[in-house]
Amino acid sequence: VKGRFTISRDNAQNTVYLQMNNLKPEDTAVYYCAADRSRKVHTTDY
């Protein structure tokens, strides 16, 4: 998704966004957001 998707957050609105451009059929899925109390940028679901 590099170059096509952008993640951002608005802490004042308590909202995180995923802007998805140039979508492809292989992007079809259920999309989930998740919170990590370590406050880091982990890449694994556990």
ModelCIF file with pLDDT and N, C-alpha, C, O atoms, coordinates in Angstrom:
data_MODEL
#
_entry.id   MODEL 
#
_entity.id                         1 
_entity.type                       polymer 
_entity.pdbx_number_of_molecules   1 
#
_entity_poly.entity_id                      1 
_entity_poly.type                           'polypeptide(L)' 
_entity_poly.nstd_linkage                   no 
_entity_poly.nstd_monomer                   no 
_entity_poly.pdbx_seq_one_letter_code       VKGRFTISRDNAQNTVYLQMNNLKPEDTAVYYCAADRSRKVHTTDY 
_entity_poly.pdbx_seq_one_letter_code_can   VKGRFTISRDNAQNTVYLQMNNLKPEDTAVYYCAADRSRKVHTTDY 
_entity_poly.pdbx_strand_id                 A 
#
loop_
_entity_poly_seq.entity_id 
_entity_poly_seq.num 
_entity_poly_seq.mon_id 
_entity_poly_seq.hetero 
1 1  VAL n 
1 2  LYS n 
1 3  GLY n 
1 4  ARG n 
1 5  PHE n 
1 6  THR n 
1 7  ILE n 
1 8  SER n 
1 9  ARG n 
1 10 ASP n 
1 11 ASN n 
1 12 ALA n 
1 13 GLN n 
1 14 ASN n 
1 15 THR n 
1 16 VAL n 
1 17 TYR n 
1 18 LEU n 
1 19 GLN n 
1 20 MET n 
1 21 ASN n 
1 22 ASN n 
1 23 LEU n 
1 24 LYS n 
1 25 PRO n 
1 26 GLU n 
1 27 ASP n 
1 28 THR n 
1 29 ALA n 
1 30 VAL n 
1 31 TYR n 
1 32 TYR n 
1 33 CYS n 
1 34 ALA n 
1 35 ALA n 
1 36 ASP n 
1 37 ARG n 
1 38 SER n 
1 39 ARG n 
1 40 LYS n 
1 41 VAL n 
1 42 HIS n 
1 43 THR n 
1 44 THR n 
1 45 ASP n 
1 46 TYR n 
#
_struct_asym.id          A 
_struct_asym.entity_id   1 
#
loop_
_ma_qa_metric.id 
_ma_qa_metric.mode 
_ma_qa_metric.name 
_ma_qa_metric.software_group_id 
_ma_qa_metric.type 
1 global pLDDT . pLDDT 
2 local  pLDDT . pLDDT 
#
_ma_qa_metric_global.metric_id      1 
_ma_qa_metric_global.metric_value   94.70 
_ma_qa_metric_global.model_id       1 
_ma_qa_metric_global.ordinal_id     1 
#
loop_
_ma_qa_metric_local.label_asym_id 
_ma_qa_metric_local.label_comp_id 
_ma_qa_metric_local.label_seq_id 
_ma_qa_metric_local.metric_id 
_ma_qa_metric_local.metric_value 
_ma_qa_metric_local.model_id 
_ma_qa_metric_local.ordinal_id 
A VAL 1  2 98.00 1 1  
A LYS 2  2 97.00 1 2  
A GLY 3  2 97.00 1 3  
A ARG 4  2 98.00 1 4  
A PHE 5  2 98.00 1 5  
A THR 6  2 98.00 1 6  
A ILE 7  2 98.00 1 7  
A SER 8  2 97.00 1 8  
A ARG 9  2 94.00 1 9  
A ASP 10 2 93.00 1 10 
A ASN 11 2 89.00 1 11 
A ALA 12 2 90.00 1 12 
A GLN 13 2 92.00 1 13 
A ASN 14 2 93.00 1 14 
A THR 15 2 95.00 1 15 
A VAL 16 2 96.00 1 16 
A TYR 17 2 98.00 1 17 
A LEU 18 2 98.00 1 18 
A GLN 19 2 98.00 1 19 
A MET 20 2 98.00 1 20 
A ASN 21 2 98.00 1 21 
A ASN 22 2 98.00 1 22 
A LEU 23 2 98.00 1 23 
A LYS 24 2 98.00 1 24 
A PRO 25 2 98.00 1 25 
A GLU 26 2 97.00 1 26 
A ASP 27 2 98.00 1 27 
A THR 28 2 98.00 1 28 
A ALA 29 2 98.00 1 29 
A VAL 30 2 98.00 1 30 
A TYR 31 2 98.00 1 31 
A TYR 32 2 98.00 1 32 
A CYS 33 2 97.00 1 33 
A ALA 34 2 96.00 1 34 
A ALA 35 2 95.00 1 35 
A ASP 36 2 93.00 1 36 
A ARG 37 2 90.00 1 37 
A SER 38 2 86.00 1 38 
A ARG 39 2 79.00 1 39 
A LYS 40 2 80.00 1 40 
A VAL 41 2 87.00 1 41 
A HIS 42 2 91.00 1 42 
A THR 43 2 93.00 1 43 
A THR 44 2 93.00 1 44 
A ASP 45 2 93.00 1 45 
A TYR 46 2 93.00 1 46 
#
loop_
_atom_site.group_PDB 
_atom_site.id 
_atom_site.type_symbol 
_atom_site.label_atom_id 
_atom_site.label_alt_id 
_atom_site.label_comp_id 
_atom_site.label_asym_id 
_atom_site.label_entity_id 
_atom_site.label_seq_id 
_atom_site.pdbx_PDB_ins_code 
_atom_site.Cartn_x 
_atom_site.Cartn_y 
_atom_site.Cartn_z 
_atom_site.occupancy 
_atom_site.B_iso_or_equiv 
_atom_site.pdbx_formal_charge 
_atom_site.auth_seq_id 
_atom_site.auth_comp_id 
_atom_site.auth_asym_id 
_atom_site.auth_atom_id 
_atom_site.pdbx_PDB_model_num 
ATOM 1   N N  . VAL A 1 1  ? 0.806   -1.222 0.000  1.00 98.00 ? 1  VAL A N  1 
ATOM 2   C CA . VAL A 1 1  ? 0.000   0.000  0.000  1.00 98.00 ? 1  VAL A CA 1 
ATOM 3   C C  . VAL A 1 1  ? 0.836   1.269  0.000  1.00 98.00 ? 1  VAL A C  1 
ATOM 4   O O  . VAL A 1 1  ? 0.276   2.363  -0.073 1.00 98.00 ? 1  VAL A O  1 
ATOM 5   N N  . LYS A 1 2  ? 2.143   1.163  0.078  1.00 97.00 ? 2  LYS A N  1 
ATOM 6   C CA . LYS A 1 2  ? 2.993   2.349  0.080  1.00 97.00 ? 2  LYS A CA 1 
ATOM 7   C C  . LYS A 1 2  ? 2.773   3.166  -1.187 1.00 97.00 ? 2  LYS A C  1 
ATOM 8   O O  . LYS A 1 2  ? 2.716   2.624  -2.291 1.00 97.00 ? 2  LYS A O  1 
ATOM 9   N N  . GLY A 1 3  ? 2.651   4.470  -1.008 1.00 97.00 ? 3  GLY A N  1 
ATOM 10  C CA . GLY A 1 3  ? 2.410   5.358  -2.127 1.00 97.00 ? 3  GLY A CA 1 
ATOM 11  C C  . GLY A 1 3  ? 0.954   5.507  -2.496 1.00 97.00 ? 3  GLY A C  1 
ATOM 12  O O  . GLY A 1 3  ? 0.607   6.388  -3.282 1.00 97.00 ? 3  GLY A O  1 
ATOM 13  N N  . ARG A 1 4  ? 0.090   4.668  -1.949 1.00 98.00 ? 4  ARG A N  1 
ATOM 14  C CA . ARG A 1 4  ? -1.337  4.737  -2.253 1.00 98.00 ? 4  ARG A CA 1 
ATOM 15  C C  . ARG A 1 4  ? -2.185  5.074  -1.026 1.00 98.00 ? 4  ARG A C  1 
ATOM 16  O O  . ARG A 1 4  ? -3.178  5.794  -1.138 1.00 98.00 ? 4  ARG A O  1 
ATOM 17  N N  . PHE A 1 5  ? -1.801  4.560  0.142  1.00 98.00 ? 5  PHE A N  1 
ATOM 18  C CA . PHE A 1 5  ? -2.562  4.771  1.370  1.00 98.00 ? 5  PHE A CA 1 
ATOM 19  C C  . PHE A 1 5  ? -1.808  5.719  2.289  1.00 98.00 ? 5  PHE A C  1 
ATOM 20  O O  . PHE A 1 5  ? -0.577  5.745  2.292  1.00 98.00 ? 5  PHE A O  1 
ATOM 21  N N  . THR A 1 6  ? -2.552  6.496  3.069  1.00 98.00 ? 6  THR A N  1 
ATOM 22  C CA . THR A 1 6  ? -1.969  7.393  4.052  1.00 98.00 ? 6  THR A CA 1 
ATOM 23  C C  . THR A 1 6  ? -2.731  7.274  5.363  1.00 98.00 ? 6  THR A C  1 
ATOM 24  O O  . THR A 1 6  ? -3.952  7.422  5.393  1.00 98.00 ? 6  THR A O  1 
ATOM 25  N N  . ILE A 1 7  ? -2.010  7.008  6.445  1.00 98.00 ? 7  ILE A N  1 
ATOM 26  C CA . ILE A 1 7  ? -2.615  6.967  7.767  1.00 98.00 ? 7  ILE A CA 1 
ATOM 27  C C  . ILE A 1 7  ? -2.379  8.305  8.453  1.00 98.00 ? 7  ILE A C  1 
ATOM 28  O O  . ILE A 1 7  ? -1.308  8.900  8.325  1.00 98.00 ? 7  ILE A O  1 
ATOM 29  N N  . SER A 1 8  ? -3.380  8.770  9.178  1.00 97.00 ? 8  SER A N  1 
ATOM 30  C CA . SER A 1 8  ? -3.259  10.007 9.933  1.00 97.00 ? 8  SER A CA 1 
ATOM 31  C C  . SER A 1 8  ? -4.145  9.916  11.166 1.00 97.00 ? 8  SER A C  1 
ATOM 32  O O  . SER A 1 8  ? -4.984  9.021  11.272 1.00 97.00 ? 8  SER A O  1 
ATOM 33  N N  . ARG A 1 9  ? -3.956  10.837 12.091 1.00 94.00 ? 9  ARG A N  1 
ATOM 34  C CA . ARG A 1 9  ? -4.811  10.862 13.272 1.00 94.00 ? 9  ARG A CA 1 
ATOM 35  C C  . ARG A 1 9  ? -5.043  12.292 13.712 1.00 94.00 ? 9  ARG A C  1 
ATOM 36  O O  . ARG A 1 9  ? -4.189  13.161 13.539 1.00 94.00 ? 9  ARG A O  1 
ATOM 37  N N  . ASP A 1 10 ? -6.205  12.518 14.279 1.00 93.00 ? 10 ASP A N  1 
ATOM 38  C CA . ASP A 1 10 ? -6.575  13.800 14.849 1.00 93.00 ? 10 ASP A CA 1 
ATOM 39  C C  . ASP A 1 10 ? -6.859  13.540 16.318 1.00 93.00 ? 10 ASP A C  1 
ATOM 40  O O  . ASP A 1 10 ? -7.947  13.091 16.678 1.00 93.00 ? 10 ASP A O  1 
ATOM 41  N N  . ASN A 1 11 ? -5.883  13.823 17.160 1.00 89.00 ? 11 ASN A N  1 
ATOM 42  C CA . ASN A 1 11 ? -6.028  13.508 18.579 1.00 89.00 ? 11 ASN A CA 1 
ATOM 43  C C  . ASN A 1 11 ? -7.132  14.323 19.246 1.00 89.00 ? 11 ASN A C  1 
ATOM 44  O O  . ASN A 1 11 ? -7.761  13.851 20.192 1.00 89.00 ? 11 ASN A O  1 
ATOM 45  N N  . ALA A 1 12 ? -7.373  15.539 18.764 1.00 90.00 ? 12 ALA A N  1 
ATOM 46  C CA . ALA A 1 12 ? -8.445  16.350 19.324 1.00 90.00 ? 12 ALA A CA 1 
ATOM 47  C C  . ALA A 1 12 ? -9.810  15.737 19.053 1.00 90.00 ? 12 ALA A C  1 
ATOM 48  O O  . ALA A 1 12 ? -10.735 15.909 19.847 1.00 90.00 ? 12 ALA A O  1 
ATOM 49  N N  . GLN A 1 13 ? -9.947  15.018 17.934 1.00 92.00 ? 13 GLN A N  1 
ATOM 50  C CA . GLN A 1 13 ? -11.205 14.379 17.572 1.00 92.00 ? 13 GLN A CA 1 
ATOM 51  C C  . GLN A 1 13 ? -11.235 12.896 17.912 1.00 92.00 ? 13 GLN A C  1 
ATOM 52  O O  . GLN A 1 13 ? -12.228 12.219 17.645 1.00 92.00 ? 13 GLN A O  1 
ATOM 53  N N  . ASN A 1 14 ? -10.160 12.386 18.498 1.00 93.00 ? 14 ASN A N  1 
ATOM 54  C CA . ASN A 1 14 ? -10.075 10.970 18.876 1.00 93.00 ? 14 ASN A CA 1 
ATOM 55  C C  . ASN A 1 14 ? -10.349 10.048 17.687 1.00 93.00 ? 14 ASN A C  1 
ATOM 56  O O  . ASN A 1 14 ? -11.076 9.062  17.805 1.00 93.00 ? 14 ASN A O  1 
ATOM 57  N N  . THR A 1 15 ? -9.761  10.384 16.551 1.00 95.00 ? 15 THR A N  1 
ATOM 58  C CA . THR A 1 15 ? -10.045 9.660  15.321 1.00 95.00 ? 15 THR A CA 1 
ATOM 59  C C  . THR A 1 15 ? -8.762  9.387  14.541 1.00 95.00 ? 15 THR A C  1 
ATOM 60  O O  . THR A 1 15 ? -7.891  10.250 14.434 1.00 95.00 ? 15 THR A O  1 
ATOM 61  N N  . VAL A 1 16 ? -8.660  8.179  14.001 1.00 96.00 ? 16 VAL A N  1 
ATOM 62  C CA . VAL A 1 16 ? -7.585  7.829  13.091 1.00 96.00 ? 16 VAL A CA 1 
ATOM 63  C C  . VAL A 1 16 ? -8.195  7.568  11.717 1.00 96.00 ? 16 VAL A C  1 
ATOM 64  O O  . VAL A 1 16 ? -9.299  7.034  11.612 1.00 96.00 ? 16 VAL A O  1 
ATOM 65  N N  . TYR A 1 17 ? -7.470  7.945  10.667 1.00 98.00 ? 17 TYR A N  1 
ATOM 66  C CA . TYR A 1 17 ? -7.971  7.845  9.303  1.00 98.00 ? 17 TYR A CA 1 
ATOM 67  C C  . TYR A 1 17 ? -7.053  6.981  8.454  1.00 98.00 ? 17 TYR A C  1 
ATOM 68  O O  . TYR A 1 17 ? -5.863  6.843  8.736  1.00 98.00 ? 17 TYR A O  1 
ATOM 69  N N  . LEU A 1 18 ? -7.624  6.409  7.421  1.00 98.00 ? 18 LEU A N  1 
ATOM 70  C CA . LEU A 1 18 ? -6.851  5.745  6.384  1.00 98.00 ? 18 LEU A CA 1 
ATOM 71  C C  . LEU A 1 18 ? -7.366  6.238  5.040  1.00 98.00 ? 18 LEU A C  1 
ATOM 72  O O  . LEU A 1 18 ? -8.443  5.842  4.594  1.00 98.00 ? 18 LEU A O  1 
ATOM 73  N N  . GLN A 1 19 ? -6.590  7.103  4.402  1.00 98.00 ? 19 GLN A N  1 
ATOM 74  C CA . GLN A 1 19 ? -6.919  7.581  3.067  1.00 98.00 ? 19 GLN A CA 1 
ATOM 75  C C  . GLN A 1 19 ? -6.389  6.582  2.057  1.00 98.00 ? 19 GLN A C  1 
ATOM 76  O O  . GLN A 1 19 ? -5.188  6.312  2.025  1.00 98.00 ? 19 GLN A O  1 
ATOM 77  N N  . MET A 1 20 ? -7.263  6.033  1.236  1.00 98.00 ? 20 MET A N  1 
ATOM 78  C CA . MET A 1 20 ? -6.911  5.001  0.284  1.00 98.00 ? 20 MET A CA 1 
ATOM 79  C C  . MET A 1 20 ? -7.146  5.533  -1.127 1.00 98.00 ? 20 MET A C  1 
ATOM 80  O O  . MET A 1 20 ? -8.282  5.809  -1.511 1.00 98.00 ? 20 MET A O  1 
ATOM 81  N N  . ASN A 1 21 ? -6.068  5.676  -1.893 1.00 98.00 ? 21 ASN A N  1 
ATOM 82  C CA . ASN A 1 21 ? -6.141  6.153  -3.262 1.00 98.00 ? 21 ASN A CA 1 
ATOM 83  C C  . ASN A 1 21 ? -5.706  5.059  -4.228 1.00 98.00 ? 21 ASN A C  1 
ATOM 84  O O  . ASN A 1 21 ? -5.034  4.102  -3.843 1.00 98.00 ? 21 ASN A O  1 
ATOM 85  N N  . ASN A 1 22 ? -6.101  5.216  -5.486 1.00 98.00 ? 22 ASN A N  1 
ATOM 86  C CA . ASN A 1 22 ? -5.745  4.249  -6.528 1.00 98.00 ? 22 ASN A CA 1 
ATOM 87  C C  . ASN A 1 22 ? -6.038  2.819  -6.078 1.00 98.00 ? 22 ASN A C  1 
ATOM 88  O O  . ASN A 1 22 ? -5.175  1.944  -6.145 1.00 98.00 ? 22 ASN A O  1 
ATOM 89  N N  . LEU A 1 23 ? -7.238  2.605  -5.632 1.00 98.00 ? 23 LEU A N  1 
ATOM 90  C CA . LEU A 1 23 ? -7.611  1.294  -5.107 1.00 98.00 ? 23 LEU A CA 1 
ATOM 91  C C  . LEU A 1 23 ? -7.578  0.224  -6.186 1.00 98.00 ? 23 LEU A C  1 
ATOM 92  O O  . LEU A 1 23 ? -7.889  0.476  -7.350 1.00 98.00 ? 23 LEU A O  1 
ATOM 93  N N  . LYS A 1 24 ? -7.195  -0.973 -5.771 1.00 98.00 ? 24 LYS A N  1 
ATOM 94  C CA . LYS A 1 24 ? -7.097  -2.122 -6.645 1.00 98.00 ? 24 LYS A CA 1 
ATOM 95  C C  . LYS A 1 24 ? -8.032  -3.220 -6.154 1.00 98.00 ? 24 LYS A C  1 
ATOM 96  O O  . LYS A 1 24 ? -8.375  -3.251 -4.972 1.00 98.00 ? 24 LYS A O  1 
ATOM 97  N N  . PRO A 1 25 ? -8.451  -4.121 -7.038 1.00 98.00 ? 25 PRO A N  1 
ATOM 98  C CA . PRO A 1 25 ? -9.314  -5.221 -6.585 1.00 98.00 ? 25 PRO A CA 1 
ATOM 99  C C  . PRO A 1 25 ? -8.713  -6.024 -5.432 1.00 98.00 ? 25 PRO A C  1 
ATOM 100 O O  . PRO A 1 25 ? -9.454  -6.509 -4.577 1.00 98.00 ? 25 PRO A O  1 
ATOM 101 N N  . GLU A 1 26 ? -7.398  -6.173 -5.389 1.00 97.00 ? 26 GLU A N  1 
ATOM 102 C CA . GLU A 1 26 ? -6.768  -6.919 -4.319 1.00 97.00 ? 26 GLU A CA 1 
ATOM 103 C C  . GLU A 1 26 ? -6.813  -6.202 -2.974 1.00 97.00 ? 26 GLU A C  1 
ATOM 104 O O  . GLU A 1 26 ? -6.429  -6.779 -1.957 1.00 97.00 ? 26 GLU A O  1 
ATOM 105 N N  . ASP A 1 27 ? -7.275  -4.957 -2.952 1.00 98.00 ? 27 ASP A N  1 
ATOM 106 C CA . ASP A 1 27 ? -7.485  -4.247 -1.694 1.00 98.00 ? 27 ASP A CA 1 
ATOM 107 C C  . ASP A 1 27 ? -8.811  -4.628 -1.036 1.00 98.00 ? 27 ASP A C  1 
ATOM 108 O O  . ASP A 1 27 ? -9.072  -4.224 0.098  1.00 98.00 ? 27 ASP A O  1 
ATOM 109 N N  . THR A 1 28 ? -9.636  -5.385 -1.717 1.00 98.00 ? 28 THR A N  1 
ATOM 110 C CA . THR A 1 28 ? -10.925 -5.797 -1.173 1.00 98.00 ? 28 THR A CA 1 
ATOM 111 C C  . THR A 1 28 ? -10.727 -6.613 0.098  1.00 98.00 ? 28 THR A C  1 
ATOM 112 O O  . THR A 1 28 ? -10.028 -7.626 0.092  1.00 98.00 ? 28 THR A O  1 
ATOM 113 N N  . ALA A 1 29 ? -11.344 -6.168 1.182  1.00 98.00 ? 29 ALA A N  1 
ATOM 114 C CA . ALA A 1 29 ? -11.184 -6.826 2.479  1.00 98.00 ? 29 ALA A CA 1 
ATOM 115 C C  . ALA A 1 29 ? -12.055 -6.111 3.502  1.00 98.00 ? 29 ALA A C  1 
ATOM 116 O O  . ALA A 1 29 ? -12.615 -5.049 3.231  1.00 98.00 ? 29 ALA A O  1 
ATOM 117 N N  . VAL A 1 30 ? -12.158 -6.709 4.678  1.00 98.00 ? 30 VAL A N  1 
ATOM 118 C CA . VAL A 1 30 ? -12.678 -6.008 5.835  1.00 98.00 ? 30 VAL A CA 1 
ATOM 119 C C  . VAL A 1 30 ? -11.502 -5.314 6.507  1.00 98.00 ? 30 VAL A C  1 
ATOM 120 O O  . VAL A 1 30 ? -10.487 -5.946 6.801  1.00 98.00 ? 30 VAL A O  1 
ATOM 121 N N  . TYR A 1 31 ? -11.638 -4.026 6.749  1.00 98.00 ? 31 TYR A N  1 
ATOM 122 C CA . TYR A 1 31 ? -10.577 -3.235 7.345  1.00 98.00 ? 31 TYR A CA 1 
ATOM 123 C C  . TYR A 1 31 ? -10.882 -2.975 8.811  1.00 98.00 ? 31 TYR A C  1 
ATOM 124 O O  . TYR A 1 31 ? -11.989 -2.572 9.167  1.00 98.00 ? 31 TYR A O  1 
ATOM 125 N N  . TYR A 1 32 ? -9.883  -3.213 9.658  1.00 98.00 ? 32 TYR A N  1 
ATOM 126 C CA . TYR A 1 32 ? -10.009 -3.061 11.101 1.00 98.00 ? 32 TYR A CA 1 
ATOM 127 C C  . TYR A 1 32 ? -9.014  -2.032 11.616 1.00 98.00 ? 32 TYR A C  1 
ATOM 128 O O  . TYR A 1 32 ? -7.879  -1.971 11.145 1.00 98.00 ? 32 TYR A O  1 
ATOM 129 N N  . CYS A 1 33 ? -9.433  -1.235 12.569 1.00 97.00 ? 33 CYS A N  1 
ATOM 130 C CA . CYS A 1 33 ? -8.469  -0.415 13.283 1.00 97.00 ? 33 CYS A CA 1 
ATOM 131 C C  . CYS A 1 33 ? -8.173  -1.059 14.629 1.00 97.00 ? 33 CYS A C  1 
ATOM 132 O O  . CYS A 1 33 ? -8.991  -1.805 15.166 1.00 97.00 ? 33 CYS A O  1 
ATOM 133 N N  . ALA A 1 34 ? -6.995  -0.763 15.167 1.00 96.00 ? 34 ALA A N  1 
ATOM 134 C CA . ALA A 1 34 ? -6.541  -1.372 16.403 1.00 96.00 ? 34 ALA A CA 1 
ATOM 135 C C  . ALA A 1 34 ? -5.746  -0.365 17.214 1.00 96.00 ? 34 ALA A C  1 
ATOM 136 O O  . ALA A 1 34 ? -5.119  0.538  16.660 1.00 96.00 ? 34 ALA A O  1 
ATOM 137 N N  . ALA A 1 35 ? -5.778  -0.528 18.532 1.00 95.00 ? 35 ALA A N  1 
ATOM 138 C CA . ALA A 1 35 ? -5.077  0.352  19.458 1.00 95.00 ? 35 ALA A CA 1 
ATOM 139 C C  . ALA A 1 35 ? -4.027  -0.427 20.229 1.00 95.00 ? 35 ALA A C  1 
ATOM 140 O O  . ALA A 1 35 ? -4.280  -1.535 20.701 1.00 95.00 ? 35 ALA A O  1 
ATOM 141 N N  . ASP A 1 36 ? -2.853  0.161  20.349 1.00 93.00 ? 36 ASP A N  1 
ATOM 142 C CA . ASP A 1 36 ? -1.710  -0.443 21.028 1.00 93.00 ? 36 ASP A CA 1 
ATOM 143 C C  . ASP A 1 36 ? -1.305  0.451  22.190 1.00 93.00 ? 36 ASP A C  1 
ATOM 144 O O  . ASP A 1 36 ? -0.889  1.591  21.982 1.00 93.00 ? 36 ASP A O  1 
ATOM 145 N N  . ARG A 1 37 ? -1.422  -0.053 23.396 1.00 90.00 ? 37 ARG A N  1 
ATOM 146 C CA . ARG A 1 37 ? -1.130  0.771  24.567 1.00 90.00 ? 37 ARG A CA 1 
ATOM 147 C C  . ARG A 1 37 ? 0.355   1.044  24.762 1.00 90.00 ? 37 ARG A C  1 
ATOM 148 O O  . ARG A 1 37 ? 0.718   1.845  25.624 1.00 90.00 ? 37 ARG A O  1 
ATOM 149 N N  . SER A 1 38 ? 1.222   0.402  23.986 1.00 86.00 ? 38 SER A N  1 
ATOM 150 C CA . SER A 1 38 ? 2.638   0.753  24.023 1.00 86.00 ? 38 SER A CA 1 
ATOM 151 C C  . SER A 1 38 ? 2.911   2.060  23.296 1.00 86.00 ? 38 SER A C  1 
ATOM 152 O O  . SER A 1 38 ? 3.977   2.652  23.461 1.00 86.00 ? 38 SER A O  1 
ATOM 153 N N  . ARG A 1 39 ? 1.948   2.516  22.489 1.00 79.00 ? 39 ARG A N  1 
ATOM 154 C CA . ARG A 1 39 ? 2.007   3.767  21.731 1.00 79.00 ? 39 ARG A CA 1 
ATOM 155 C C  . ARG A 1 39 ? 3.074   3.758  20.644 1.00 79.00 ? 39 ARG A C  1 
ATOM 156 O O  . ARG A 1 39 ? 3.546   4.815  20.224 1.00 79.00 ? 39 ARG A O  1 
ATOM 157 N N  . LYS A 1 40 ? 3.450   2.582  20.195 1.00 80.00 ? 40 LYS A N  1 
ATOM 158 C CA . LYS A 1 40 ? 4.428   2.441  19.135 1.00 80.00 ? 40 LYS A CA 1 
ATOM 159 C C  . LYS A 1 40 ? 3.753   2.059  17.823 1.00 80.00 ? 40 LYS A C  1 
ATOM 160 O O  . LYS A 1 40 ? 2.526   2.018  17.741 1.00 80.00 ? 40 LYS A O  1 
ATOM 161 N N  . VAL A 1 41 ? 4.557   1.780  16.795 1.00 87.00 ? 41 VAL A N  1 
ATOM 162 C CA . VAL A 1 41 ? 4.036   1.489  15.458 1.00 87.00 ? 41 VAL A CA 1 
ATOM 163 C C  . VAL A 1 41 ? 4.274   0.022  15.123 1.00 87.00 ? 41 VAL A C  1 
ATOM 164 O O  . VAL A 1 41 ? 5.023   -0.301 14.202 1.00 87.00 ? 41 VAL A O  1 
ATOM 165 N N  . HIS A 1 42 ? 3.638   -0.851 15.870 1.00 91.00 ? 42 HIS A N  1 
ATOM 166 C CA . HIS A 1 42 ? 3.781   -2.283 15.643 1.00 91.00 ? 42 HIS A CA 1 
ATOM 167 C C  . HIS A 1 42 ? 3.089   -2.721 14.364 1.00 91.00 ? 42 HIS A C  1 
ATOM 168 O O  . HIS A 1 42 ? 2.116   -2.107 13.928 1.00 91.00 ? 42 HIS A O  1 
ATOM 169 N N  . THR A 1 43 ? 3.604   -3.794 13.767 1.00 93.00 ? 43 THR A N  1 
ATOM 170 C CA . THR A 1 43 ? 3.085   -4.298 12.500 1.00 93.00 ? 43 THR A CA 1 
ATOM 171 C C  . THR A 1 43 ? 2.457   -5.682 12.599 1.00 93.00 ? 43 THR A C  1 
ATOM 172 O O  . THR A 1 43 ? 2.030   -6.227 11.582 1.00 93.00 ? 43 THR A O  1 
ATOM 173 N N  . THR A 1 44 ? 2.388   -6.263 13.786 1.00 93.00 ? 44 THR A N  1 
ATOM 174 C CA . THR A 1 44 ? 1.783   -7.572 13.980 1.00 93.00 ? 44 THR A CA 1 
ATOM 175 C C  . THR A 1 44 ? 0.578   -7.465 14.896 1.00 93.00 ? 44 THR A C  1 
ATOM 176 O O  . THR A 1 44 ? 0.566   -6.665 15.832 1.00 93.00 ? 44 THR A O  1 
ATOM 177 N N  . ASP A 1 45 ? -0.441  -8.282 14.619 1.00 93.00 ? 45 ASP A N  1 
ATOM 178 C CA . ASP A 1 45 ? -1.703  -8.113 15.321 1.00 93.00 ? 45 ASP A CA 1 
ATOM 179 C C  . ASP A 1 45 ? -1.612  -8.430 16.808 1.00 93.00 ? 45 ASP A C  1 
ATOM 180 O O  . ASP A 1 45 ? -2.343  -7.846 17.609 1.00 93.00 ? 45 ASP A O  1 
ATOM 181 N N  . TYR A 1 46 ? -0.713  -9.357 17.194 1.00 93.00 ? 46 TYR A N  1 
ATOM 182 C CA . TYR A 1 46 ? -0.625  -9.709 18.612 1.00 93.00 ? 46 TYR A CA 1 
ATOM 183 C C  . TYR A 1 46 ? -0.075  -8.586 19.475 1.00 93.00 ? 46 TYR A C  1 
ATOM 184 O O  . TYR A 1 46 ? 0.053   -8.745 20.688 1.00 93.00 ? 46 TYR A O  1 
#
